[in-house]
Amino acid sequence: MALRQEIAAAAHAGHRTEDCVTLIAVSKGCEPGVVRTAAGLGLTHVGESYLQEALPKIGQLGGLGLTWHFIGRVQANKTRAIAEHFDWVHAIDRLRIAERLSGQRPHYAPPLQACLQVNIDRDRTKAGVYAEDAEALALAVQALPRLRLRGLMCILAGGRAAEANRQSFASLRALLQQLNERGLALDTLSMGMSADFREAIIEGATQVRIGTALFGPRNVAALG
C-alpha cells in the first residue's frame, strides 16, 4: 500500500529499514469490519483511545490475534478495563495510574507493555510528564511487577513546520538515550501520527500511530 511505501521511504531517509517501524492502525471511529479487512491486509497492531468503543471491538475481533494498544489519556476509573483487555498502554504520565494498571493486570496475562507520555514541548494543551521529571517516573514504573516499561511517547501540536516537528522528535529520542545511559533498557519511541509520521520516523520512531492516513477522515466527536 502507498502508506507502507511512505514509511519505508522515511525509514531509509533516517538510515534505517522499514522493519524497524511498527505501524499501529488507529481504528477509532471504524467499524469492526473495517479493522477485520485491515487485518486481512497484514496489519496486526491496532490502537484505540475510546474505551467504550474499543471493548466491544476487541471482543468481536478476538480471534484475529491482534495486538491492542491503548493510546488515549488514561483515567483512573478506566485502568481496570485497560489492564484486562489491552497489550500496550502508551500514555502513562502519573505514577498513580501506573500503580493501578500494575495492580489490576490479570495474573494469567503477560506484563502490560507501557510507554511514558512525555510533554516534550512543555505544551500546556498536552498531557505528559516533563522531560526533567521523566527519569524519576521511569524508575518508579520500571519497578512495578505487572508492567514492562518499554519506552516513551509524545503527541505534538498540529499545524507546525516539519523542521519544528523533527526537533521535538529528536529531543524525545535524546531523552530515551539519556535514560538508557542511566541504566534503563528502553527500546520504544512511540511518536508520529498521520500528519507528522515521516519526520518521526526519520528521527527514530519505532512505532507510529496512524489513523486518518490509513482509514480516511472519521467523525469521532460523538465518541467522547
N, C-alpha and C. Protein backbone atom coordinates (compact mmCIF):
# COMPACT_ATOMS: atom_id res chain seq x y z
N MET A 1 0.84 -1.19 0.00
CA MET A 1 0.00 0.00 0.00
C MET A 1 0.88 1.24 0.00
N ALA A 2 0.29 2.37 -0.40
CA ALA A 2 1.06 3.61 -0.52
C ALA A 2 1.64 4.04 0.83
N LEU A 3 0.88 3.85 1.92
CA LEU A 3 1.37 4.24 3.24
C LEU A 3 2.62 3.46 3.61
N ARG A 4 2.66 2.19 3.31
CA ARG A 4 3.84 1.39 3.58
C ARG A 4 5.05 1.93 2.83
N GLN A 5 4.82 2.37 1.59
CA GLN A 5 5.91 2.93 0.81
C GLN A 5 6.44 4.22 1.43
N GLU A 6 5.53 5.04 1.97
CA GLU A 6 5.95 6.28 2.64
C GLU A 6 6.73 5.97 3.91
N ILE A 7 6.29 4.98 4.65
CA ILE A 7 7.01 4.58 5.85
C ILE A 7 8.41 4.09 5.49
N ALA A 8 8.49 3.27 4.45
CA ALA A 8 9.79 2.76 4.02
C ALA A 8 10.71 3.89 3.57
N ALA A 9 10.16 4.85 2.84
CA ALA A 9 10.97 5.97 2.36
C ALA A 9 11.50 6.80 3.53
N ALA A 10 10.64 7.04 4.53
CA ALA A 10 11.08 7.80 5.70
C ALA A 10 12.14 7.02 6.49
N ALA A 11 11.94 5.72 6.61
CA ALA A 11 12.93 4.91 7.32
C ALA A 11 14.28 4.96 6.62
N HIS A 12 14.27 4.86 5.32
CA HIS A 12 15.53 4.92 4.57
C HIS A 12 16.18 6.29 4.71
N ALA A 13 15.36 7.35 4.75
CA ALA A 13 15.90 8.69 4.95
C ALA A 13 16.56 8.83 6.31
N GLY A 14 16.08 8.05 7.27
CA GLY A 14 16.68 8.05 8.61
C GLY A 14 17.73 6.98 8.78
N HIS A 15 18.16 6.38 7.65
CA HIS A 15 19.23 5.37 7.64
C HIS A 15 18.83 4.13 8.44
N ARG A 16 17.55 3.76 8.29
CA ARG A 16 17.04 2.54 8.91
C ARG A 16 16.24 1.76 7.88
N THR A 17 15.79 0.58 8.27
CA THR A 17 14.96 -0.23 7.39
C THR A 17 13.51 -0.17 7.84
N GLU A 18 12.61 -0.47 6.93
CA GLU A 18 11.17 -0.39 7.22
C GLU A 18 10.77 -1.29 8.38
N ASP A 19 11.43 -2.42 8.53
CA ASP A 19 11.02 -3.35 9.58
C ASP A 19 11.36 -2.87 10.98
N CYS A 20 12.04 -1.72 11.08
CA CYS A 20 12.30 -1.11 12.39
C CYS A 20 11.10 -0.33 12.91
N VAL A 21 10.08 -0.15 12.07
CA VAL A 21 8.94 0.70 12.41
C VAL A 21 7.67 -0.14 12.44
N THR A 22 6.96 -0.11 13.56
CA THR A 22 5.67 -0.79 13.68
C THR A 22 4.55 0.20 13.39
N LEU A 23 3.68 -0.16 12.46
CA LEU A 23 2.52 0.65 12.14
C LEU A 23 1.36 0.25 13.06
N ILE A 24 0.92 1.19 13.88
CA ILE A 24 -0.25 0.99 14.72
C ILE A 24 -1.43 1.64 14.02
N ALA A 25 -2.39 0.83 13.60
CA ALA A 25 -3.57 1.33 12.89
C ALA A 25 -4.56 1.88 13.91
N VAL A 26 -4.75 3.18 13.92
CA VAL A 26 -5.65 3.81 14.89
C VAL A 26 -7.07 3.71 14.35
N SER A 27 -7.88 2.86 14.97
CA SER A 27 -9.17 2.49 14.40
C SER A 27 -10.36 3.14 15.08
N LYS A 28 -10.12 4.19 15.87
CA LYS A 28 -11.27 4.87 16.49
C LYS A 28 -12.21 5.39 15.40
N GLY A 29 -13.48 5.19 15.60
CA GLY A 29 -14.45 5.60 14.61
C GLY A 29 -14.67 4.60 13.50
N CYS A 30 -13.93 3.50 13.49
CA CYS A 30 -14.06 2.47 12.46
C CYS A 30 -14.91 1.32 12.97
N GLU A 31 -15.73 0.77 12.11
CA GLU A 31 -16.49 -0.41 12.45
C GLU A 31 -15.56 -1.63 12.52
N PRO A 32 -15.93 -2.64 13.30
CA PRO A 32 -15.09 -3.84 13.39
C PRO A 32 -14.76 -4.45 12.04
N GLY A 33 -15.70 -4.39 11.09
CA GLY A 33 -15.43 -4.96 9.77
C GLY A 33 -14.29 -4.28 9.06
N VAL A 34 -14.13 -2.99 9.28
CA VAL A 34 -13.02 -2.25 8.67
C VAL A 34 -11.69 -2.75 9.24
N VAL A 35 -11.66 -2.97 10.54
CA VAL A 35 -10.44 -3.48 11.18
C VAL A 35 -10.16 -4.90 10.70
N ARG A 36 -11.21 -5.69 10.53
CA ARG A 36 -11.03 -7.05 10.05
C ARG A 36 -10.42 -7.05 8.64
N THR A 37 -10.87 -6.13 7.80
CA THR A 37 -10.31 -6.02 6.46
C THR A 37 -8.85 -5.61 6.52
N ALA A 38 -8.54 -4.64 7.40
CA ALA A 38 -7.15 -4.20 7.55
C ALA A 38 -6.27 -5.35 8.03
N ALA A 39 -6.80 -6.16 8.94
CA ALA A 39 -6.04 -7.31 9.42
C ALA A 39 -5.77 -8.29 8.29
N GLY A 40 -6.74 -8.42 7.39
CA GLY A 40 -6.55 -9.30 6.25
C GLY A 40 -5.47 -8.83 5.31
N LEU A 41 -5.15 -7.53 5.39
CA LEU A 41 -4.08 -6.96 4.56
C LEU A 41 -2.73 -6.98 5.28
N GLY A 42 -2.72 -7.55 6.47
CA GLY A 42 -1.45 -7.73 7.17
C GLY A 42 -1.22 -6.83 8.36
N LEU A 43 -2.16 -5.96 8.70
CA LEU A 43 -1.99 -5.10 9.86
C LEU A 43 -2.29 -5.89 11.13
N THR A 44 -1.39 -5.85 12.08
CA THR A 44 -1.55 -6.67 13.29
C THR A 44 -1.61 -5.84 14.58
N HIS A 45 -1.27 -4.56 14.50
CA HIS A 45 -1.29 -3.69 15.68
C HIS A 45 -2.38 -2.65 15.52
N VAL A 46 -3.27 -2.56 16.51
CA VAL A 46 -4.42 -1.67 16.44
C VAL A 46 -4.43 -0.76 17.66
N GLY A 47 -4.66 0.52 17.42
CA GLY A 47 -4.71 1.50 18.50
C GLY A 47 -6.10 2.05 18.71
N GLU A 48 -6.48 2.18 19.97
CA GLU A 48 -7.78 2.75 20.34
C GLU A 48 -7.59 3.73 21.49
N SER A 49 -8.40 4.80 21.49
CA SER A 49 -8.31 5.77 22.57
C SER A 49 -9.63 5.98 23.29
N TYR A 50 -10.71 5.38 22.78
CA TYR A 50 -12.02 5.48 23.42
C TYR A 50 -12.42 4.09 23.94
N LEU A 51 -12.39 3.95 25.24
CA LEU A 51 -12.58 2.63 25.83
C LEU A 51 -13.94 2.04 25.50
N GLN A 52 -14.98 2.89 25.53
CA GLN A 52 -16.33 2.37 25.31
C GLN A 52 -16.51 1.86 23.88
N GLU A 53 -15.73 2.36 22.96
CA GLU A 53 -15.76 1.84 21.59
C GLU A 53 -14.86 0.63 21.44
N ALA A 54 -13.73 0.66 22.14
CA ALA A 54 -12.71 -0.37 21.94
C ALA A 54 -13.13 -1.73 22.48
N LEU A 55 -13.76 -1.78 23.63
CA LEU A 55 -14.02 -3.07 24.27
C LEU A 55 -14.91 -3.98 23.42
N PRO A 56 -16.02 -3.50 22.88
CA PRO A 56 -16.80 -4.38 22.00
C PRO A 56 -16.02 -4.81 20.77
N LYS A 57 -15.20 -3.92 20.26
CA LYS A 57 -14.41 -4.23 19.07
C LYS A 57 -13.39 -5.34 19.38
N ILE A 58 -12.74 -5.22 20.52
CA ILE A 58 -11.78 -6.26 20.92
C ILE A 58 -12.49 -7.60 21.07
N GLY A 59 -13.70 -7.58 21.64
CA GLY A 59 -14.44 -8.82 21.81
C GLY A 59 -14.81 -9.46 20.49
N GLN A 60 -15.25 -8.64 19.53
CA GLN A 60 -15.67 -9.18 18.24
C GLN A 60 -14.51 -9.68 17.39
N LEU A 61 -13.33 -9.10 17.61
CA LEU A 61 -12.19 -9.43 16.76
C LEU A 61 -11.15 -10.27 17.49
N GLY A 62 -11.57 -10.90 18.58
CA GLY A 62 -10.63 -11.61 19.43
C GLY A 62 -9.91 -12.76 18.76
N GLY A 63 -10.48 -13.33 17.72
CA GLY A 63 -9.84 -14.48 17.09
C GLY A 63 -8.79 -14.14 16.06
N LEU A 64 -8.52 -12.85 15.85
CA LEU A 64 -7.59 -12.44 14.80
C LEU A 64 -6.14 -12.34 15.26
N GLY A 65 -5.91 -12.48 16.55
CA GLY A 65 -4.54 -12.39 17.06
C GLY A 65 -3.94 -11.00 16.99
N LEU A 66 -4.78 -9.97 17.10
CA LEU A 66 -4.29 -8.60 17.01
C LEU A 66 -3.64 -8.17 18.33
N THR A 67 -2.71 -7.24 18.22
CA THR A 67 -2.11 -6.61 19.39
C THR A 67 -2.79 -5.26 19.58
N TRP A 68 -3.39 -5.07 20.76
CA TRP A 68 -4.20 -3.88 21.03
C TRP A 68 -3.43 -2.88 21.88
N HIS A 69 -3.41 -1.65 21.40
CA HIS A 69 -2.70 -0.55 22.07
C HIS A 69 -3.71 0.48 22.55
N PHE A 70 -3.69 0.80 23.84
CA PHE A 70 -4.50 1.93 24.31
C PHE A 70 -3.64 3.17 24.23
N ILE A 71 -4.07 4.13 23.40
CA ILE A 71 -3.23 5.28 23.10
C ILE A 71 -3.80 6.59 23.63
N GLY A 72 -4.96 6.53 24.30
CA GLY A 72 -5.58 7.74 24.82
C GLY A 72 -5.12 8.06 26.24
N ARG A 73 -5.63 9.17 26.74
CA ARG A 73 -5.35 9.55 28.12
C ARG A 73 -5.94 8.50 29.06
N VAL A 74 -5.16 8.06 30.01
CA VAL A 74 -5.59 7.00 30.92
C VAL A 74 -6.20 7.64 32.17
N GLN A 75 -7.50 7.42 32.36
CA GLN A 75 -8.20 7.92 33.53
C GLN A 75 -8.27 6.85 34.60
N ALA A 76 -8.25 7.27 35.85
CA ALA A 76 -8.18 6.31 36.96
C ALA A 76 -9.35 5.34 36.95
N ASN A 77 -10.54 5.80 36.55
CA ASN A 77 -11.70 4.91 36.59
C ASN A 77 -11.74 3.93 35.42
N LYS A 78 -10.75 3.97 34.55
CA LYS A 78 -10.72 3.08 33.40
C LYS A 78 -9.50 2.15 33.40
N THR A 79 -8.70 2.22 34.44
CA THR A 79 -7.47 1.43 34.44
C THR A 79 -7.73 -0.07 34.46
N ARG A 80 -8.77 -0.51 35.17
CA ARG A 80 -9.02 -1.96 35.25
C ARG A 80 -9.33 -2.54 33.86
N ALA A 81 -10.21 -1.88 33.13
CA ALA A 81 -10.57 -2.38 31.79
C ALA A 81 -9.36 -2.35 30.86
N ILE A 82 -8.55 -1.31 30.96
CA ILE A 82 -7.35 -1.24 30.12
C ILE A 82 -6.39 -2.36 30.49
N ALA A 83 -6.17 -2.55 31.78
CA ALA A 83 -5.25 -3.59 32.24
C ALA A 83 -5.72 -4.98 31.83
N GLU A 84 -7.02 -5.18 31.75
CA GLU A 84 -7.56 -6.51 31.45
C GLU A 84 -7.61 -6.82 29.96
N HIS A 85 -7.72 -5.79 29.11
CA HIS A 85 -8.03 -6.05 27.71
C HIS A 85 -6.97 -5.62 26.70
N PHE A 86 -6.01 -4.83 27.11
CA PHE A 86 -5.02 -4.31 26.15
C PHE A 86 -3.66 -4.96 26.36
N ASP A 87 -2.86 -4.92 25.31
CA ASP A 87 -1.48 -5.43 25.36
C ASP A 87 -0.47 -4.33 25.66
N TRP A 88 -0.78 -3.12 25.20
CA TRP A 88 0.09 -1.96 25.39
C TRP A 88 -0.74 -0.78 25.91
N VAL A 89 -0.09 0.06 26.69
CA VAL A 89 -0.66 1.35 27.07
C VAL A 89 0.41 2.41 26.83
N HIS A 90 0.04 3.48 26.14
CA HIS A 90 1.04 4.42 25.63
C HIS A 90 1.12 5.74 26.38
N ALA A 91 0.23 6.00 27.28
CA ALA A 91 0.16 7.39 27.77
C ALA A 91 0.22 7.48 29.28
N ILE A 92 1.10 6.73 29.91
CA ILE A 92 1.27 6.84 31.36
C ILE A 92 2.04 8.13 31.67
N ASP A 93 1.46 8.97 32.49
CA ASP A 93 2.15 10.21 32.86
C ASP A 93 2.12 10.48 34.36
N ARG A 94 1.56 9.52 35.12
CA ARG A 94 1.48 9.65 36.58
C ARG A 94 1.73 8.28 37.22
N LEU A 95 2.46 8.27 38.31
CA LEU A 95 2.76 7.01 38.99
C LEU A 95 1.48 6.34 39.49
N ARG A 96 0.53 7.11 39.97
CA ARG A 96 -0.71 6.53 40.48
C ARG A 96 -1.41 5.69 39.41
N ILE A 97 -1.43 6.18 38.20
CA ILE A 97 -2.05 5.44 37.11
C ILE A 97 -1.28 4.16 36.84
N ALA A 98 0.03 4.24 36.83
CA ALA A 98 0.86 3.06 36.59
C ALA A 98 0.64 2.02 37.67
N GLU A 99 0.55 2.46 38.91
CA GLU A 99 0.33 1.53 40.02
C GLU A 99 -1.01 0.82 39.90
N ARG A 100 -2.03 1.55 39.49
CA ARG A 100 -3.35 0.93 39.31
C ARG A 100 -3.30 -0.09 38.18
N LEU A 101 -2.67 0.25 37.07
CA LEU A 101 -2.58 -0.68 35.96
C LEU A 101 -1.84 -1.95 36.35
N SER A 102 -0.76 -1.80 37.07
CA SER A 102 0.01 -2.97 37.52
C SER A 102 -0.81 -3.83 38.48
N GLY A 103 -1.48 -3.19 39.42
CA GLY A 103 -2.25 -3.93 40.40
C GLY A 103 -3.46 -4.64 39.80
N GLN A 104 -3.98 -4.12 38.70
CA GLN A 104 -5.19 -4.66 38.09
C GLN A 104 -4.90 -5.55 36.88
N ARG A 105 -3.64 -5.72 36.51
CA ARG A 105 -3.31 -6.61 35.41
C ARG A 105 -3.55 -8.05 35.84
N PRO A 106 -4.32 -8.83 35.08
CA PRO A 106 -4.62 -10.21 35.49
C PRO A 106 -3.35 -11.04 35.65
N HIS A 107 -3.37 -11.94 36.61
CA HIS A 107 -2.18 -12.75 36.90
C HIS A 107 -1.84 -13.68 35.76
N TYR A 108 -2.84 -14.06 34.95
CA TYR A 108 -2.61 -15.01 33.86
C TYR A 108 -2.10 -14.33 32.59
N ALA A 109 -2.12 -13.00 32.56
CA ALA A 109 -1.69 -12.26 31.37
C ALA A 109 -0.22 -11.89 31.49
N PRO A 110 0.47 -11.74 30.37
CA PRO A 110 1.85 -11.25 30.44
C PRO A 110 1.86 -9.81 30.92
N PRO A 111 2.99 -9.30 31.36
CA PRO A 111 3.04 -7.90 31.80
C PRO A 111 2.53 -6.95 30.72
N LEU A 112 1.86 -5.91 31.16
CA LEU A 112 1.34 -4.88 30.25
C LEU A 112 2.51 -4.05 29.75
N GLN A 113 2.67 -3.97 28.45
CA GLN A 113 3.75 -3.19 27.85
C GLN A 113 3.38 -1.70 27.95
N ALA A 114 4.32 -0.87 28.38
CA ALA A 114 3.98 0.50 28.73
C ALA A 114 4.98 1.51 28.19
N CYS A 115 4.46 2.67 27.84
CA CYS A 115 5.27 3.82 27.48
C CYS A 115 4.88 5.00 28.37
N LEU A 116 5.83 5.85 28.67
CA LEU A 116 5.55 7.09 29.36
C LEU A 116 5.25 8.18 28.34
N GLN A 117 4.19 8.95 28.58
CA GLN A 117 3.94 10.10 27.72
C GLN A 117 4.73 11.28 28.23
N VAL A 118 5.53 11.86 27.34
CA VAL A 118 6.38 13.00 27.68
C VAL A 118 5.86 14.23 26.97
N ASN A 119 5.67 15.30 27.71
CA ASN A 119 5.29 16.59 27.13
C ASN A 119 6.59 17.27 26.71
N ILE A 120 7.09 16.86 25.57
CA ILE A 120 8.45 17.24 25.17
C ILE A 120 8.58 18.72 24.88
N ASP A 121 7.47 19.38 24.52
CA ASP A 121 7.50 20.81 24.21
C ASP A 121 6.95 21.68 25.33
N ARG A 122 6.62 21.06 26.47
CA ARG A 122 6.02 21.79 27.60
C ARG A 122 4.78 22.56 27.13
N ASP A 123 3.98 21.90 26.32
CA ASP A 123 2.78 22.47 25.75
C ASP A 123 1.64 22.33 26.76
N ARG A 124 1.06 23.44 27.19
CA ARG A 124 0.02 23.39 28.22
C ARG A 124 -1.25 22.72 27.74
N THR A 125 -1.41 22.56 26.45
CA THR A 125 -2.60 21.89 25.92
C THR A 125 -2.41 20.38 25.83
N LYS A 126 -1.22 19.87 26.12
CA LYS A 126 -0.93 18.45 26.01
C LYS A 126 -0.65 17.84 27.39
N ALA A 127 -0.98 16.58 27.52
CA ALA A 127 -0.65 15.85 28.74
C ALA A 127 0.78 15.36 28.65
N GLY A 128 1.25 14.78 29.75
CA GLY A 128 2.58 14.19 29.73
C GLY A 128 3.49 14.75 30.80
N VAL A 129 4.42 13.92 31.22
CA VAL A 129 5.42 14.33 32.19
C VAL A 129 6.46 15.20 31.48
N TYR A 130 6.98 16.19 32.15
CA TYR A 130 8.05 17.00 31.57
C TYR A 130 9.35 16.19 31.52
N ALA A 131 10.20 16.54 30.59
CA ALA A 131 11.42 15.76 30.36
C ALA A 131 12.27 15.63 31.62
N GLU A 132 12.36 16.71 32.39
CA GLU A 132 13.21 16.68 33.58
C GLU A 132 12.66 15.77 34.68
N ASP A 133 11.39 15.42 34.58
CA ASP A 133 10.79 14.54 35.58
C ASP A 133 10.64 13.10 35.09
N ALA A 134 11.05 12.84 33.86
CA ALA A 134 10.82 11.53 33.25
C ALA A 134 11.63 10.43 33.92
N GLU A 135 12.85 10.71 34.34
CA GLU A 135 13.68 9.65 34.91
C GLU A 135 13.08 9.11 36.20
N ALA A 136 12.64 10.00 37.08
CA ALA A 136 12.07 9.54 38.35
C ALA A 136 10.83 8.69 38.10
N LEU A 137 9.98 9.12 37.19
CA LEU A 137 8.78 8.34 36.89
C LEU A 137 9.15 7.01 36.25
N ALA A 138 10.10 7.03 35.32
CA ALA A 138 10.51 5.80 34.64
C ALA A 138 11.05 4.78 35.64
N LEU A 139 11.86 5.19 36.57
CA LEU A 139 12.41 4.26 37.56
C LEU A 139 11.32 3.67 38.43
N ALA A 140 10.35 4.49 38.80
CA ALA A 140 9.26 4.00 39.63
C ALA A 140 8.38 3.02 38.86
N VAL A 141 8.08 3.33 37.60
CA VAL A 141 7.24 2.44 36.79
C VAL A 141 7.97 1.14 36.50
N GLN A 142 9.26 1.22 36.24
CA GLN A 142 10.04 0.02 35.95
C GLN A 142 9.99 -0.97 37.10
N ALA A 143 9.83 -0.50 38.31
CA ALA A 143 9.83 -1.37 39.48
C ALA A 143 8.50 -2.07 39.72
N LEU A 144 7.46 -1.69 38.98
CA LEU A 144 6.14 -2.29 39.19
C LEU A 144 6.11 -3.70 38.59
N PRO A 145 5.52 -4.66 39.28
CA PRO A 145 5.66 -6.07 38.87
C PRO A 145 4.88 -6.48 37.63
N ARG A 146 3.76 -5.83 37.32
CA ARG A 146 2.91 -6.30 36.23
C ARG A 146 2.94 -5.37 35.02
N LEU A 147 3.89 -4.44 35.02
CA LEU A 147 4.13 -3.59 33.86
C LEU A 147 5.53 -3.85 33.35
N ARG A 148 5.72 -3.70 32.04
CA ARG A 148 7.05 -3.71 31.47
C ARG A 148 7.24 -2.39 30.74
N LEU A 149 8.07 -1.53 31.30
CA LEU A 149 8.31 -0.23 30.68
C LEU A 149 9.14 -0.40 29.43
N ARG A 150 8.60 0.03 28.29
CA ARG A 150 9.26 -0.16 27.01
C ARG A 150 9.87 1.11 26.44
N GLY A 151 9.27 2.28 26.73
CA GLY A 151 9.83 3.47 26.12
C GLY A 151 9.01 4.71 26.38
N LEU A 152 9.10 5.63 25.44
CA LEU A 152 8.50 6.96 25.57
C LEU A 152 7.57 7.23 24.40
N MET A 153 6.56 8.06 24.65
CA MET A 153 5.69 8.52 23.56
C MET A 153 5.47 10.01 23.70
N CYS A 154 5.06 10.63 22.60
CA CYS A 154 4.69 12.04 22.65
C CYS A 154 3.63 12.32 21.60
N ILE A 155 2.92 13.42 21.80
CA ILE A 155 1.95 13.94 20.84
C ILE A 155 2.28 15.41 20.64
N LEU A 156 2.54 15.80 19.41
CA LEU A 156 2.88 17.19 19.12
C LEU A 156 1.65 17.98 18.72
N ALA A 157 1.74 19.29 18.88
CA ALA A 157 0.67 20.17 18.40
C ALA A 157 0.61 20.11 16.88
N GLY A 158 -0.58 20.31 16.33
CA GLY A 158 -0.74 20.28 14.88
C GLY A 158 -0.36 21.61 14.23
N GLY A 159 -0.23 21.56 12.92
CA GLY A 159 -0.01 22.77 12.15
C GLY A 159 1.38 23.35 12.23
N ARG A 160 2.37 22.57 12.66
CA ARG A 160 3.73 23.08 12.78
C ARG A 160 4.53 22.72 11.54
N ALA A 161 5.63 23.42 11.36
CA ALA A 161 6.53 23.11 10.25
C ALA A 161 7.22 21.79 10.50
N ALA A 162 7.59 21.13 9.41
CA ALA A 162 8.22 19.82 9.52
C ALA A 162 9.52 19.90 10.33
N GLU A 163 10.29 20.93 10.15
CA GLU A 163 11.56 21.04 10.87
C GLU A 163 11.33 21.17 12.38
N ALA A 164 10.29 21.89 12.77
CA ALA A 164 9.97 22.01 14.20
C ALA A 164 9.57 20.65 14.76
N ASN A 165 8.81 19.88 13.99
CA ASN A 165 8.44 18.54 14.43
C ASN A 165 9.68 17.67 14.60
N ARG A 166 10.58 17.75 13.65
CA ARG A 166 11.79 16.94 13.74
C ARG A 166 12.59 17.28 15.00
N GLN A 167 12.67 18.55 15.33
CA GLN A 167 13.42 18.95 16.52
C GLN A 167 12.80 18.35 17.79
N SER A 168 11.48 18.37 17.86
CA SER A 168 10.81 17.80 19.03
C SER A 168 11.01 16.30 19.10
N PHE A 169 10.88 15.61 17.98
CA PHE A 169 11.08 14.17 17.97
C PHE A 169 12.53 13.82 18.31
N ALA A 170 13.45 14.62 17.83
CA ALA A 170 14.86 14.39 18.16
C ALA A 170 15.10 14.56 19.66
N SER A 171 14.39 15.49 20.26
CA SER A 171 14.52 15.70 21.71
C SER A 171 14.02 14.49 22.49
N LEU A 172 12.92 13.88 22.02
CA LEU A 172 12.42 12.69 22.70
C LEU A 172 13.40 11.53 22.53
N ARG A 173 13.97 11.40 21.34
CA ARG A 173 14.98 10.35 21.12
C ARG A 173 16.18 10.56 22.04
N ALA A 174 16.62 11.80 22.18
CA ALA A 174 17.75 12.09 23.06
C ALA A 174 17.43 11.77 24.52
N LEU A 175 16.17 12.02 24.92
CA LEU A 175 15.77 11.70 26.29
C LEU A 175 15.80 10.20 26.52
N LEU A 176 15.33 9.43 25.56
CA LEU A 176 15.37 7.97 25.70
C LEU A 176 16.82 7.50 25.82
N GLN A 177 17.70 8.05 25.02
CA GLN A 177 19.11 7.67 25.10
C GLN A 177 19.68 8.03 26.47
N GLN A 178 19.29 9.19 26.98
CA GLN A 178 19.76 9.62 28.29
C GLN A 178 19.28 8.66 29.38
N LEU A 179 18.03 8.25 29.31
CA LEU A 179 17.51 7.31 30.30
C LEU A 179 18.22 5.97 30.22
N ASN A 180 18.53 5.53 29.02
CA ASN A 180 19.25 4.26 28.88
C ASN A 180 20.66 4.37 29.44
N GLU A 181 21.27 5.52 29.32
CA GLU A 181 22.60 5.71 29.89
C GLU A 181 22.56 5.66 31.42
N ARG A 182 21.37 5.91 32.00
CA ARG A 182 21.20 5.84 33.46
C ARG A 182 20.82 4.44 33.92
N GLY A 183 20.79 3.48 32.99
CA GLY A 183 20.54 2.10 33.38
C GLY A 183 19.21 1.53 32.96
N LEU A 184 18.34 2.32 32.36
CA LEU A 184 17.08 1.79 31.85
C LEU A 184 17.32 1.14 30.49
N ALA A 185 16.54 0.14 30.18
CA ALA A 185 16.71 -0.58 28.91
C ALA A 185 15.47 -0.37 28.06
N LEU A 186 15.31 0.82 27.54
CA LEU A 186 14.12 1.19 26.76
C LEU A 186 14.41 0.99 25.27
N ASP A 187 13.40 0.50 24.55
CA ASP A 187 13.61 0.22 23.13
C ASP A 187 12.52 0.79 22.22
N THR A 188 11.61 1.59 22.79
CA THR A 188 10.45 2.03 22.02
C THR A 188 10.31 3.54 22.03
N LEU A 189 10.13 4.11 20.84
CA LEU A 189 9.75 5.51 20.67
C LEU A 189 8.44 5.54 19.91
N SER A 190 7.35 5.77 20.64
CA SER A 190 6.02 5.86 20.04
C SER A 190 5.77 7.32 19.71
N MET A 191 6.03 7.68 18.47
CA MET A 191 5.87 9.08 18.09
C MET A 191 5.57 9.19 16.60
N GLY A 192 4.68 10.12 16.29
CA GLY A 192 4.28 10.32 14.90
C GLY A 192 2.88 9.83 14.63
N MET A 193 2.07 10.71 14.03
CA MET A 193 0.72 10.36 13.63
C MET A 193 0.57 10.71 12.14
N SER A 194 -0.66 10.77 11.66
CA SER A 194 -0.87 10.91 10.21
C SER A 194 -0.16 12.13 9.63
N ALA A 195 -0.16 13.24 10.37
CA ALA A 195 0.38 14.48 9.82
C ALA A 195 1.89 14.60 9.96
N ASP A 196 2.50 13.81 10.86
CA ASP A 196 3.92 14.03 11.13
C ASP A 196 4.73 12.74 11.25
N PHE A 197 4.18 11.62 10.76
CA PHE A 197 4.90 10.35 10.94
C PHE A 197 6.21 10.31 10.17
N ARG A 198 6.29 11.02 9.07
CA ARG A 198 7.53 10.99 8.27
C ARG A 198 8.69 11.56 9.07
N GLU A 199 8.49 12.73 9.68
CA GLU A 199 9.54 13.35 10.49
C GLU A 199 9.87 12.47 11.70
N ALA A 200 8.82 11.85 12.28
CA ALA A 200 9.05 10.99 13.45
C ALA A 200 9.93 9.81 13.10
N ILE A 201 9.66 9.18 11.96
CA ILE A 201 10.45 8.01 11.56
C ILE A 201 11.89 8.41 11.26
N ILE A 202 12.07 9.52 10.59
CA ILE A 202 13.44 9.99 10.30
C ILE A 202 14.22 10.18 11.61
N GLU A 203 13.51 10.62 12.66
CA GLU A 203 14.18 10.89 13.93
C GLU A 203 14.18 9.69 14.89
N GLY A 204 13.76 8.52 14.40
CA GLY A 204 13.96 7.32 15.20
C GLY A 204 12.73 6.64 15.75
N ALA A 205 11.52 7.04 15.33
CA ALA A 205 10.32 6.37 15.83
C ALA A 205 10.37 4.88 15.56
N THR A 206 9.98 4.09 16.54
CA THR A 206 9.84 2.65 16.34
C THR A 206 8.38 2.24 16.21
N GLN A 207 7.48 3.13 16.63
CA GLN A 207 6.04 2.91 16.45
C GLN A 207 5.41 4.22 15.99
N VAL A 208 4.56 4.15 14.98
CA VAL A 208 3.79 5.31 14.54
C VAL A 208 2.31 4.98 14.65
N ARG A 209 1.52 5.94 15.08
CA ARG A 209 0.10 5.75 15.36
C ARG A 209 -0.70 6.47 14.27
N ILE A 210 -1.19 5.73 13.31
CA ILE A 210 -1.76 6.35 12.11
C ILE A 210 -3.21 5.93 11.93
N GLY A 211 -4.07 6.93 11.82
CA GLY A 211 -5.49 6.68 11.60
C GLY A 211 -5.97 7.25 10.29
N THR A 212 -6.04 8.58 10.20
CA THR A 212 -6.61 9.25 9.02
C THR A 212 -5.90 8.86 7.74
N ALA A 213 -4.58 8.81 7.77
CA ALA A 213 -3.83 8.48 6.55
C ALA A 213 -4.06 7.04 6.11
N LEU A 214 -4.60 6.24 6.99
CA LEU A 214 -4.86 4.83 6.67
C LEU A 214 -6.33 4.58 6.35
N PHE A 215 -7.22 5.11 7.20
CA PHE A 215 -8.64 4.83 7.07
C PHE A 215 -9.45 5.99 6.49
N GLY A 216 -8.83 7.16 6.36
CA GLY A 216 -9.56 8.32 5.90
C GLY A 216 -10.20 9.07 7.06
N PRO A 217 -10.77 10.26 6.78
CA PRO A 217 -11.40 11.07 7.86
C PRO A 217 -12.59 10.33 8.46
N ARG A 218 -12.71 10.46 9.80
CA ARG A 218 -13.83 9.86 10.51
C ARG A 218 -14.41 10.85 11.50
N ASN A 219 -15.68 10.77 11.73
CA ASN A 219 -16.35 11.63 12.71
C ASN A 219 -16.33 10.93 14.06
N VAL A 220 -15.39 11.35 14.92
CA VAL A 220 -15.28 10.69 16.22
C VAL A 220 -15.71 11.59 17.35
N ALA A 221 -16.28 12.77 17.02
CA ALA A 221 -16.64 13.72 18.07
C ALA A 221 -17.65 13.15 19.04
N ALA A 222 -18.51 12.29 18.56
CA ALA A 222 -19.58 11.75 19.42
C ALA A 222 -19.09 10.63 20.33
N LEU A 223 -17.86 10.20 20.16
CA LEU A 223 -17.38 9.06 20.93
C LEU A 223 -16.92 9.45 22.32
N GLY A 224 -16.70 10.74 22.58
CA GLY A 224 -16.30 11.19 23.90
C GLY A 224 -14.80 11.13 24.12
